[in-house]
Amino acid sequence: MGMRIKTLTLTSGQILRELIVDALPQILGEDFSIVSADLPFDGSLMLCLDAKRHPALVAFDARDSGRALLAALRAVERLGDNRGMLFRLYPALFPDNGRHFPENELRLVLLAPEAPPGTAYLARAFPALSAYTFRILEIDGNLGLLVDPAATDTGRIEDGVPPETPCAPFRCGLDPGQALSAQEERHFADA
């Protein structure tokens, strides 16, 4: 007998949070830890330490990737502005007893059903950003999260040379090797 697999849409934020926590080892590494699963900011956010003990802010939304991105950016700004409060609430984030918050090591992880708008640009401008898409699956009565990295490479400009644009053949029913008639050549030359 085969497995029964269905794609679901969740309405419960708590169930989605539990599924994301279950999926975090494949994103942050097996030895990750959650510093706070309930940050005092708007949005669905978690503050974690990845397997290398670097801070990671995980933002997720069941429907709107743009909302997850905005909540994450607001939280990053507030975390940077309130280092004293951050140290008192989450001392695990400060490896040297509060002397500095490793802001340059902060990862921003976004999870949503679709990649947020501008993901490719943001990934180039902010290399610490990782965007993932997810689907909620029910497999033989058990819920799970299928997580995939969001496509962020739409062609990078390296050494000042833009990537080559792929060309699609003109779809007119003609053989691609067939030349235009003299009349067609004159028409397009005048255009």
N, C-alpha and C. Protein backbone atom coordinates (compact mmCIF):
# COMPACT_ATOMS: atom_id res chain seq x y z
N MET A 1 0.85 -1.18 0.00
CA MET A 1 0.00 0.00 0.00
C MET A 1 0.90 1.24 0.00
N GLY A 2 0.57 2.21 -0.83
CA GLY A 2 1.36 3.42 -0.96
C GLY A 2 1.07 4.43 0.15
N MET A 3 1.93 5.42 0.20
CA MET A 3 1.73 6.49 1.18
C MET A 3 0.68 7.46 0.67
N ARG A 4 -0.04 8.06 1.58
CA ARG A 4 -1.02 9.09 1.26
C ARG A 4 -0.40 10.44 1.60
N ILE A 5 -0.17 11.24 0.58
CA ILE A 5 0.45 12.55 0.76
C ILE A 5 -0.51 13.62 0.28
N LYS A 6 -0.73 14.64 1.13
CA LYS A 6 -1.58 15.78 0.78
C LYS A 6 -0.85 17.06 1.15
N THR A 7 -1.06 18.09 0.35
CA THR A 7 -0.58 19.43 0.68
C THR A 7 -1.67 20.13 1.47
N LEU A 8 -1.28 20.79 2.56
CA LEU A 8 -2.26 21.46 3.42
C LEU A 8 -1.95 22.94 3.55
N THR A 9 -2.95 23.69 3.94
CA THR A 9 -2.80 25.09 4.34
C THR A 9 -3.20 25.17 5.79
N LEU A 10 -2.27 25.64 6.63
CA LEU A 10 -2.55 25.71 8.07
C LEU A 10 -3.16 27.04 8.45
N THR A 11 -4.03 27.00 9.42
CA THR A 11 -4.57 28.23 9.99
C THR A 11 -4.01 28.45 11.39
N SER A 12 -3.41 27.45 11.99
CA SER A 12 -2.89 27.56 13.34
C SER A 12 -1.42 27.99 13.32
N GLY A 13 -1.15 29.15 13.90
CA GLY A 13 0.23 29.63 14.00
C GLY A 13 1.08 28.76 14.89
N GLN A 14 0.50 28.18 15.93
CA GLN A 14 1.26 27.34 16.85
C GLN A 14 1.74 26.05 16.18
N ILE A 15 0.88 25.44 15.38
CA ILE A 15 1.29 24.22 14.67
C ILE A 15 2.39 24.54 13.67
N LEU A 16 2.26 25.66 12.96
CA LEU A 16 3.30 26.06 12.01
C LEU A 16 4.62 26.31 12.74
N ARG A 17 4.57 26.96 13.88
CA ARG A 17 5.79 27.20 14.66
C ARG A 17 6.46 25.88 15.04
N GLU A 18 5.67 24.90 15.47
CA GLU A 18 6.23 23.59 15.84
C GLU A 18 6.86 22.90 14.63
N LEU A 19 6.20 23.00 13.47
CA LEU A 19 6.75 22.39 12.26
C LEU A 19 8.06 23.07 11.85
N ILE A 20 8.12 24.39 12.01
CA ILE A 20 9.35 25.11 11.66
C ILE A 20 10.47 24.74 12.62
N VAL A 21 10.17 24.63 13.91
CA VAL A 21 11.19 24.20 14.87
C VAL A 21 11.71 22.81 14.49
N ASP A 22 10.82 21.93 14.06
CA ASP A 22 11.25 20.59 13.63
C ASP A 22 12.13 20.65 12.38
N ALA A 23 11.93 21.67 11.52
CA ALA A 23 12.70 21.78 10.28
C ALA A 23 13.99 22.58 10.45
N LEU A 24 14.18 23.27 11.56
CA LEU A 24 15.36 24.11 11.74
C LEU A 24 16.70 23.36 11.68
N PRO A 25 16.80 22.11 12.11
CA PRO A 25 18.10 21.43 11.98
C PRO A 25 18.63 21.37 10.55
N GLN A 26 17.75 21.28 9.55
CA GLN A 26 18.23 21.25 8.18
C GLN A 26 18.62 22.63 7.66
N ILE A 27 18.22 23.69 8.36
CA ILE A 27 18.56 25.05 7.96
C ILE A 27 19.75 25.59 8.78
N LEU A 28 19.70 25.41 10.10
CA LEU A 28 20.71 25.97 10.99
C LEU A 28 21.77 24.96 11.43
N GLY A 29 21.57 23.70 11.14
CA GLY A 29 22.50 22.66 11.57
C GLY A 29 21.93 21.89 12.74
N GLU A 30 22.40 20.69 12.91
CA GLU A 30 21.86 19.80 13.95
C GLU A 30 22.04 20.34 15.37
N ASP A 31 23.11 21.05 15.62
CA ASP A 31 23.41 21.53 16.98
C ASP A 31 22.89 22.94 17.24
N PHE A 32 21.85 23.36 16.53
CA PHE A 32 21.30 24.69 16.77
C PHE A 32 20.60 24.73 18.12
N SER A 33 20.36 25.92 18.62
CA SER A 33 19.55 26.06 19.83
C SER A 33 18.66 27.29 19.70
N ILE A 34 17.51 27.23 20.33
CA ILE A 34 16.58 28.35 20.31
C ILE A 34 16.84 29.20 21.54
N VAL A 35 17.16 30.47 21.31
CA VAL A 35 17.39 31.41 22.41
C VAL A 35 16.05 31.95 22.89
N SER A 36 15.19 32.32 21.94
CA SER A 36 13.85 32.78 22.29
C SER A 36 12.89 32.42 21.16
N ALA A 37 11.82 31.75 21.51
CA ALA A 37 10.80 31.38 20.52
C ALA A 37 9.69 32.42 20.45
N ASP A 38 9.78 33.45 21.30
CA ASP A 38 8.73 34.46 21.34
C ASP A 38 9.37 35.82 21.61
N LEU A 39 9.83 36.48 20.55
CA LEU A 39 10.44 37.80 20.69
C LEU A 39 9.38 38.86 20.89
N PRO A 40 9.71 39.94 21.60
CA PRO A 40 8.71 40.98 21.88
C PRO A 40 8.52 41.96 20.72
N PHE A 41 8.48 41.46 19.49
CA PHE A 41 8.30 42.29 18.30
C PHE A 41 7.13 41.73 17.50
N ASP A 42 6.61 42.54 16.59
CA ASP A 42 5.53 42.09 15.72
C ASP A 42 6.05 41.03 14.76
N GLY A 43 5.22 40.07 14.43
CA GLY A 43 5.58 39.03 13.48
C GLY A 43 5.91 37.72 14.17
N SER A 44 6.08 36.70 13.38
CA SER A 44 6.45 35.38 13.88
C SER A 44 7.96 35.25 13.77
N LEU A 45 8.63 35.37 14.90
CA LEU A 45 10.09 35.43 14.93
C LEU A 45 10.64 34.49 15.99
N MET A 46 11.83 33.96 15.72
CA MET A 46 12.57 33.18 16.71
C MET A 46 14.02 33.61 16.65
N LEU A 47 14.64 33.70 17.80
CA LEU A 47 16.05 34.02 17.87
C LEU A 47 16.79 32.74 18.23
N CYS A 48 17.76 32.37 17.40
CA CYS A 48 18.44 31.08 17.57
C CYS A 48 19.95 31.26 17.50
N LEU A 49 20.65 30.22 17.88
CA LEU A 49 22.08 30.10 17.63
C LEU A 49 22.23 28.91 16.68
N ASP A 50 22.95 29.13 15.56
CA ASP A 50 23.11 28.03 14.62
C ASP A 50 24.17 27.05 15.14
N ALA A 51 24.49 26.06 14.36
CA ALA A 51 25.43 25.01 14.78
C ALA A 51 26.82 25.57 15.08
N LYS A 52 27.17 26.73 14.47
CA LYS A 52 28.48 27.36 14.72
C LYS A 52 28.40 28.38 15.85
N ARG A 53 27.26 28.43 16.52
CA ARG A 53 27.01 29.33 17.65
C ARG A 53 26.92 30.79 17.22
N HIS A 54 26.53 31.05 15.97
CA HIS A 54 26.28 32.40 15.48
C HIS A 54 24.79 32.68 15.61
N PRO A 55 24.43 33.93 15.92
CA PRO A 55 23.01 34.25 16.07
C PRO A 55 22.27 34.20 14.73
N ALA A 56 21.04 33.75 14.78
CA ALA A 56 20.18 33.68 13.59
C ALA A 56 18.78 34.12 13.99
N LEU A 57 18.25 35.06 13.25
CA LEU A 57 16.88 35.50 13.45
C LEU A 57 16.03 34.81 12.39
N VAL A 58 15.09 33.99 12.84
CA VAL A 58 14.22 33.23 11.94
C VAL A 58 12.86 33.91 11.92
N ALA A 59 12.44 34.31 10.71
CA ALA A 59 11.13 34.95 10.53
C ALA A 59 10.31 34.08 9.60
N PHE A 60 9.04 33.89 9.94
CA PHE A 60 8.19 33.05 9.10
C PHE A 60 6.77 33.58 9.08
N ASP A 61 6.08 33.23 8.01
CA ASP A 61 4.69 33.62 7.87
C ASP A 61 4.00 32.55 7.03
N ALA A 62 2.80 32.19 7.39
CA ALA A 62 2.07 31.12 6.70
C ALA A 62 1.56 31.55 5.33
N ARG A 63 1.43 32.86 5.11
CA ARG A 63 0.83 33.32 3.86
C ARG A 63 1.64 34.37 3.12
N ASP A 64 2.29 35.30 3.82
CA ASP A 64 2.86 36.48 3.19
C ASP A 64 4.36 36.58 3.46
N SER A 65 5.17 36.32 2.45
CA SER A 65 6.62 36.40 2.61
C SER A 65 7.09 37.83 2.80
N GLY A 66 6.40 38.78 2.20
CA GLY A 66 6.76 40.19 2.39
C GLY A 66 6.57 40.63 3.83
N ARG A 67 5.52 40.15 4.45
CA ARG A 67 5.27 40.48 5.86
C ARG A 67 6.35 39.87 6.75
N ALA A 68 6.79 38.65 6.43
CA ALA A 68 7.87 38.02 7.20
C ALA A 68 9.16 38.81 7.04
N LEU A 69 9.45 39.26 5.83
CA LEU A 69 10.66 40.04 5.59
C LEU A 69 10.64 41.36 6.35
N LEU A 70 9.53 42.07 6.29
CA LEU A 70 9.43 43.35 7.01
C LEU A 70 9.54 43.17 8.52
N ALA A 71 8.90 42.14 9.05
CA ALA A 71 9.00 41.88 10.49
C ALA A 71 10.44 41.57 10.87
N ALA A 72 11.14 40.82 10.04
CA ALA A 72 12.53 40.48 10.33
C ALA A 72 13.42 41.71 10.29
N LEU A 73 13.22 42.57 9.30
CA LEU A 73 14.05 43.78 9.21
C LEU A 73 13.80 44.73 10.38
N ARG A 74 12.53 44.85 10.80
CA ARG A 74 12.23 45.68 11.98
C ARG A 74 12.88 45.09 13.23
N ALA A 75 12.85 43.77 13.36
CA ALA A 75 13.45 43.12 14.53
C ALA A 75 14.96 43.28 14.53
N VAL A 76 15.60 43.17 13.36
CA VAL A 76 17.05 43.36 13.30
C VAL A 76 17.41 44.77 13.75
N GLU A 77 16.65 45.74 13.31
CA GLU A 77 16.89 47.13 13.70
C GLU A 77 16.71 47.31 15.21
N ARG A 78 15.65 46.76 15.76
CA ARG A 78 15.41 46.89 17.20
C ARG A 78 16.44 46.13 18.03
N LEU A 79 16.87 44.97 17.55
CA LEU A 79 17.90 44.23 18.28
C LEU A 79 19.19 45.03 18.34
N GLY A 80 19.52 45.70 17.25
CA GLY A 80 20.73 46.52 17.22
C GLY A 80 20.62 47.75 18.10
N ASP A 81 19.41 48.31 18.22
CA ASP A 81 19.21 49.52 19.02
C ASP A 81 19.17 49.26 20.52
N ASN A 82 18.84 48.06 20.93
CA ASN A 82 18.63 47.76 22.35
C ASN A 82 19.58 46.67 22.84
N ARG A 83 20.87 46.92 22.72
CA ARG A 83 21.84 45.90 23.09
C ARG A 83 21.84 45.60 24.59
N GLY A 84 21.60 46.61 25.42
CA GLY A 84 21.56 46.39 26.87
C GLY A 84 20.43 45.44 27.25
N MET A 85 19.24 45.70 26.70
CA MET A 85 18.11 44.83 26.96
C MET A 85 18.38 43.43 26.37
N LEU A 86 18.98 43.42 25.20
CA LEU A 86 19.29 42.16 24.54
C LEU A 86 20.24 41.31 25.39
N PHE A 87 21.24 41.95 25.99
CA PHE A 87 22.18 41.22 26.84
C PHE A 87 21.50 40.68 28.09
N ARG A 88 20.60 41.48 28.71
CA ARG A 88 19.91 41.02 29.91
C ARG A 88 18.96 39.87 29.62
N LEU A 89 18.26 39.94 28.47
CA LEU A 89 17.28 38.91 28.14
C LEU A 89 17.91 37.66 27.53
N TYR A 90 18.94 37.85 26.70
CA TYR A 90 19.51 36.73 25.95
C TYR A 90 21.04 36.73 26.03
N PRO A 91 21.61 36.46 27.19
CA PRO A 91 23.07 36.51 27.33
C PRO A 91 23.80 35.49 26.46
N ALA A 92 23.12 34.46 26.00
CA ALA A 92 23.77 33.46 25.15
C ALA A 92 24.22 34.05 23.82
N LEU A 93 23.66 35.19 23.43
CA LEU A 93 24.04 35.83 22.17
C LEU A 93 25.36 36.57 22.25
N PHE A 94 25.85 36.80 23.45
CA PHE A 94 27.07 37.58 23.64
C PHE A 94 28.19 36.66 24.09
N PRO A 95 29.06 36.28 23.18
CA PRO A 95 30.10 35.31 23.52
C PRO A 95 31.15 35.82 24.50
N ASP A 96 31.29 37.13 24.64
CA ASP A 96 32.32 37.68 25.53
C ASP A 96 31.73 38.45 26.70
N ASN A 97 30.71 37.89 27.32
CA ASN A 97 30.07 38.47 28.51
C ASN A 97 29.56 39.89 28.30
N GLY A 98 28.97 40.16 27.17
CA GLY A 98 28.29 41.42 26.96
C GLY A 98 29.12 42.53 26.38
N ARG A 99 30.35 42.27 26.03
CA ARG A 99 31.17 43.35 25.48
C ARG A 99 30.67 43.79 24.12
N HIS A 100 30.28 42.85 23.28
CA HIS A 100 29.72 43.24 21.99
C HIS A 100 28.78 42.15 21.47
N PHE A 101 27.83 42.61 20.69
CA PHE A 101 26.90 41.70 20.02
C PHE A 101 27.46 41.45 18.63
N PRO A 102 27.66 40.20 18.25
CA PRO A 102 28.27 39.92 16.94
C PRO A 102 27.30 40.21 15.79
N GLU A 103 27.04 41.52 15.58
CA GLU A 103 26.07 41.94 14.58
C GLU A 103 26.45 41.47 13.17
N ASN A 104 27.75 41.46 12.89
CA ASN A 104 28.19 41.04 11.56
C ASN A 104 28.02 39.54 11.34
N GLU A 105 27.72 38.79 12.38
CA GLU A 105 27.51 37.35 12.26
C GLU A 105 26.03 36.98 12.29
N LEU A 106 25.15 37.96 12.44
CA LEU A 106 23.72 37.69 12.53
C LEU A 106 23.20 37.22 11.18
N ARG A 107 22.60 36.05 11.18
CA ARG A 107 21.94 35.52 9.98
C ARG A 107 20.46 35.86 10.05
N LEU A 108 19.89 36.11 8.91
CA LEU A 108 18.47 36.36 8.81
C LEU A 108 17.89 35.26 7.94
N VAL A 109 16.99 34.46 8.52
CA VAL A 109 16.41 33.32 7.83
C VAL A 109 14.91 33.57 7.66
N LEU A 110 14.46 33.55 6.40
CA LEU A 110 13.04 33.76 6.10
C LEU A 110 12.42 32.47 5.62
N LEU A 111 11.23 32.17 6.12
CA LEU A 111 10.48 30.99 5.68
C LEU A 111 9.06 31.43 5.35
N ALA A 112 8.63 31.11 4.14
CA ALA A 112 7.27 31.42 3.70
C ALA A 112 6.92 30.50 2.53
N PRO A 113 5.63 30.40 2.19
CA PRO A 113 5.27 29.54 1.07
C PRO A 113 5.88 29.99 -0.26
N GLU A 114 6.14 31.29 -0.42
CA GLU A 114 6.77 31.83 -1.61
C GLU A 114 7.91 32.73 -1.19
N ALA A 115 8.90 32.89 -2.05
CA ALA A 115 10.03 33.77 -1.76
C ALA A 115 9.53 35.22 -1.74
N PRO A 116 10.11 36.05 -0.86
CA PRO A 116 9.68 37.44 -0.82
C PRO A 116 10.10 38.18 -2.09
N PRO A 117 9.40 39.25 -2.42
CA PRO A 117 9.78 40.02 -3.60
C PRO A 117 11.19 40.58 -3.43
N GLY A 118 11.96 40.57 -4.48
CA GLY A 118 13.31 41.11 -4.44
C GLY A 118 14.33 40.21 -3.78
N THR A 119 14.05 38.93 -3.66
CA THR A 119 14.94 38.01 -2.96
C THR A 119 16.33 37.97 -3.58
N ALA A 120 16.42 37.95 -4.90
CA ALA A 120 17.72 37.88 -5.56
C ALA A 120 18.55 39.12 -5.24
N TYR A 121 17.93 40.29 -5.31
CA TYR A 121 18.63 41.53 -4.99
C TYR A 121 19.06 41.55 -3.52
N LEU A 122 18.14 41.19 -2.64
CA LEU A 122 18.45 41.19 -1.21
C LEU A 122 19.58 40.22 -0.88
N ALA A 123 19.59 39.07 -1.53
CA ALA A 123 20.64 38.08 -1.26
C ALA A 123 22.01 38.63 -1.65
N ARG A 124 22.06 39.43 -2.73
CA ARG A 124 23.34 40.04 -3.12
C ARG A 124 23.72 41.18 -2.18
N ALA A 125 22.73 41.99 -1.79
CA ALA A 125 23.01 43.14 -0.93
C ALA A 125 23.24 42.75 0.52
N PHE A 126 22.61 41.67 0.96
CA PHE A 126 22.69 41.23 2.35
C PHE A 126 22.99 39.73 2.34
N PRO A 127 24.30 39.36 2.22
CA PRO A 127 24.66 37.94 2.08
C PRO A 127 24.24 37.07 3.26
N ALA A 128 23.95 37.67 4.41
CA ALA A 128 23.55 36.88 5.57
C ALA A 128 22.08 36.47 5.51
N LEU A 129 21.37 36.88 4.44
CA LEU A 129 19.96 36.52 4.27
C LEU A 129 19.86 35.16 3.61
N SER A 130 19.03 34.31 4.20
CA SER A 130 18.71 33.01 3.61
C SER A 130 17.19 32.91 3.53
N ALA A 131 16.68 32.72 2.33
CA ALA A 131 15.23 32.61 2.15
C ALA A 131 14.89 31.18 1.77
N TYR A 132 13.85 30.67 2.39
CA TYR A 132 13.39 29.30 2.15
C TYR A 132 11.89 29.32 1.90
N THR A 133 11.46 28.46 1.02
CA THR A 133 10.04 28.26 0.82
C THR A 133 9.65 26.95 1.48
N PHE A 134 8.40 26.86 1.87
CA PHE A 134 7.96 25.62 2.49
C PHE A 134 6.56 25.25 2.01
N ARG A 135 6.29 23.98 2.12
CA ARG A 135 4.96 23.44 1.90
C ARG A 135 4.65 22.53 3.07
N ILE A 136 3.42 22.58 3.52
CA ILE A 136 2.98 21.74 4.62
C ILE A 136 2.36 20.49 4.02
N LEU A 137 2.89 19.35 4.43
CA LEU A 137 2.42 18.08 3.89
C LEU A 137 1.83 17.22 4.99
N GLU A 138 0.83 16.47 4.62
CA GLU A 138 0.29 15.45 5.50
C GLU A 138 0.64 14.11 4.85
N ILE A 139 1.45 13.32 5.54
CA ILE A 139 1.88 12.03 5.01
C ILE A 139 1.38 10.95 5.96
N ASP A 140 0.45 10.17 5.48
CA ASP A 140 -0.15 9.11 6.28
C ASP A 140 -0.64 9.62 7.64
N GLY A 141 -1.26 10.78 7.64
CA GLY A 141 -1.82 11.33 8.86
C GLY A 141 -0.86 12.16 9.70
N ASN A 142 0.43 12.22 9.34
CA ASN A 142 1.42 13.02 10.08
C ASN A 142 1.75 14.29 9.31
N LEU A 143 1.87 15.40 10.02
CA LEU A 143 2.21 16.67 9.39
C LEU A 143 3.72 16.83 9.31
N GLY A 144 4.16 17.44 8.24
CA GLY A 144 5.58 17.72 8.06
C GLY A 144 5.75 18.95 7.19
N LEU A 145 6.96 19.47 7.17
CA LEU A 145 7.27 20.66 6.40
C LEU A 145 8.31 20.29 5.35
N LEU A 146 8.03 20.58 4.11
CA LEU A 146 8.98 20.40 3.03
C LEU A 146 9.62 21.76 2.79
N VAL A 147 10.91 21.89 3.10
CA VAL A 147 11.62 23.16 3.03
C VAL A 147 12.62 23.10 1.88
N ASP A 148 12.59 24.15 1.04
CA ASP A 148 13.52 24.28 -0.08
C ASP A 148 14.13 25.67 -0.05
N PRO A 149 15.41 25.78 -0.42
CA PRO A 149 15.99 27.13 -0.55
C PRO A 149 15.27 27.88 -1.66
N ALA A 150 14.99 29.15 -1.43
CA ALA A 150 14.34 29.97 -2.46
C ALA A 150 15.36 30.27 -3.54
N ALA A 151 14.92 30.33 -4.77
CA ALA A 151 15.81 30.66 -5.88
C ALA A 151 16.23 32.11 -5.74
N THR A 152 17.52 32.34 -5.55
CA THR A 152 18.02 33.71 -5.38
C THR A 152 18.99 34.11 -6.45
N ASP A 153 19.43 33.19 -7.30
CA ASP A 153 20.43 33.54 -8.30
C ASP A 153 19.74 33.76 -9.64
N THR A 154 19.51 35.02 -9.97
CA THR A 154 18.90 35.34 -11.26
C THR A 154 19.95 35.87 -12.22
N GLY A 155 21.19 35.60 -11.95
CA GLY A 155 22.26 36.07 -12.81
C GLY A 155 23.04 37.17 -12.15
N ARG A 156 24.21 36.87 -11.71
CA ARG A 156 25.03 37.86 -11.03
C ARG A 156 25.91 38.57 -12.05
N ILE A 157 26.17 39.83 -11.81
CA ILE A 157 27.08 40.58 -12.66
C ILE A 157 28.47 40.43 -12.06
N GLU A 158 29.32 39.75 -12.79
CA GLU A 158 30.68 39.52 -12.31
C GLU A 158 31.65 40.22 -13.24
N ASP A 159 32.62 40.90 -12.69
CA ASP A 159 33.63 41.64 -13.45
C ASP A 159 33.00 42.64 -14.41
N GLY A 160 31.87 43.21 -14.04
CA GLY A 160 31.22 44.23 -14.84
C GLY A 160 30.51 43.70 -16.08
N VAL A 161 30.45 42.38 -16.26
CA VAL A 161 29.82 41.80 -17.44
C VAL A 161 28.51 41.15 -17.02
N PRO A 162 27.37 41.64 -17.53
CA PRO A 162 26.10 41.01 -17.16
C PRO A 162 26.00 39.61 -17.76
N PRO A 163 25.18 38.76 -17.16
CA PRO A 163 25.04 37.40 -17.70
C PRO A 163 24.41 37.43 -19.09
N GLU A 164 24.71 36.43 -19.89
CA GLU A 164 24.16 36.34 -21.23
C GLU A 164 22.67 36.05 -21.13
N THR A 165 21.87 36.78 -21.87
CA THR A 165 20.44 36.60 -21.87
C THR A 165 20.08 35.45 -22.79
N PRO A 166 19.34 34.46 -22.29
CA PRO A 166 18.97 33.36 -23.17
C PRO A 166 17.99 33.84 -24.23
N CYS A 167 18.16 33.38 -25.45
CA CYS A 167 17.29 33.77 -26.55
C CYS A 167 16.36 32.62 -26.90
N ALA A 168 15.11 32.95 -27.06
CA ALA A 168 14.13 31.96 -27.49
C ALA A 168 13.93 32.14 -28.98
N PRO A 169 13.84 31.07 -29.75
CA PRO A 169 13.63 31.23 -31.19
C PRO A 169 12.27 31.85 -31.46
N PHE A 170 12.20 32.61 -32.54
CA PHE A 170 10.96 33.24 -32.94
C PHE A 170 9.97 32.15 -33.34
N ARG A 171 8.81 32.16 -32.76
CA ARG A 171 7.84 31.08 -32.97
C ARG A 171 6.83 31.49 -34.04
N CYS A 172 7.19 31.30 -35.28
CA CYS A 172 6.27 31.65 -36.35
C CYS A 172 5.98 30.47 -37.26
N GLY A 173 6.53 29.33 -36.95
CA GLY A 173 6.31 28.16 -37.77
C GLY A 173 7.39 27.98 -38.82
N LEU A 174 8.31 28.94 -38.94
CA LEU A 174 9.41 28.82 -39.90
C LEU A 174 10.55 28.03 -39.30
N ASP A 175 11.31 27.42 -40.13
CA ASP A 175 12.52 26.74 -39.71
C ASP A 175 13.50 27.80 -39.21
N PRO A 176 14.13 27.65 -38.02
CA PRO A 176 15.03 28.68 -37.50
C PRO A 176 16.16 29.02 -38.45
N GLY A 177 16.55 28.11 -39.33
CA GLY A 177 17.63 28.40 -40.26
C GLY A 177 17.14 29.09 -41.53
N GLN A 178 15.84 29.21 -41.73
CA GLN A 178 15.28 29.81 -42.94
C GLN A 178 15.43 31.32 -42.89
N ALA A 179 15.90 31.90 -43.99
CA ALA A 179 16.12 33.34 -44.06
C ALA A 179 14.83 34.05 -44.46
N LEU A 180 14.77 35.36 -44.21
CA LEU A 180 13.64 36.18 -44.62
C LEU A 180 13.71 36.44 -46.12
N SER A 181 12.56 36.69 -46.71
CA SER A 181 12.55 37.06 -48.12
C SER A 181 13.07 38.48 -48.26
N ALA A 182 13.37 38.90 -49.48
CA ALA A 182 13.89 40.25 -49.73
C ALA A 182 12.87 41.30 -49.30
N GLN A 183 11.58 41.04 -49.58
CA GLN A 183 10.53 41.97 -49.18
C GLN A 183 10.45 42.10 -47.65
N GLU A 184 10.56 40.98 -46.95
CA GLU A 184 10.54 41.00 -45.48
C GLU A 184 11.76 41.74 -44.93
N GLU A 185 12.91 41.53 -45.56
CA GLU A 185 14.14 42.24 -45.13
C GLU A 185 13.94 43.74 -45.24
N ARG A 186 13.38 44.23 -46.40
CA ARG A 186 13.16 45.67 -46.60
C ARG A 186 12.16 46.20 -45.57
N HIS A 187 11.09 45.43 -45.29
CA HIS A 187 10.08 45.87 -44.32
C HIS A 187 10.70 46.09 -42.94
N PHE A 188 11.49 45.12 -42.48
CA PHE A 188 12.08 45.23 -41.13
C PHE A 188 13.22 46.22 -41.09
N ALA A 189 13.87 46.47 -42.23
CA ALA A 189 14.95 47.48 -42.27
C ALA A 189 14.35 48.88 -42.13
N ASP A 190 13.14 49.11 -42.64
CA ASP A 190 12.50 50.42 -42.55
C ASP A 190 11.87 50.67 -41.20
N ALA A 191 11.63 49.64 -40.43
CA ALA A 191 10.92 49.77 -39.15
C ALA A 191 11.74 50.40 -38.09
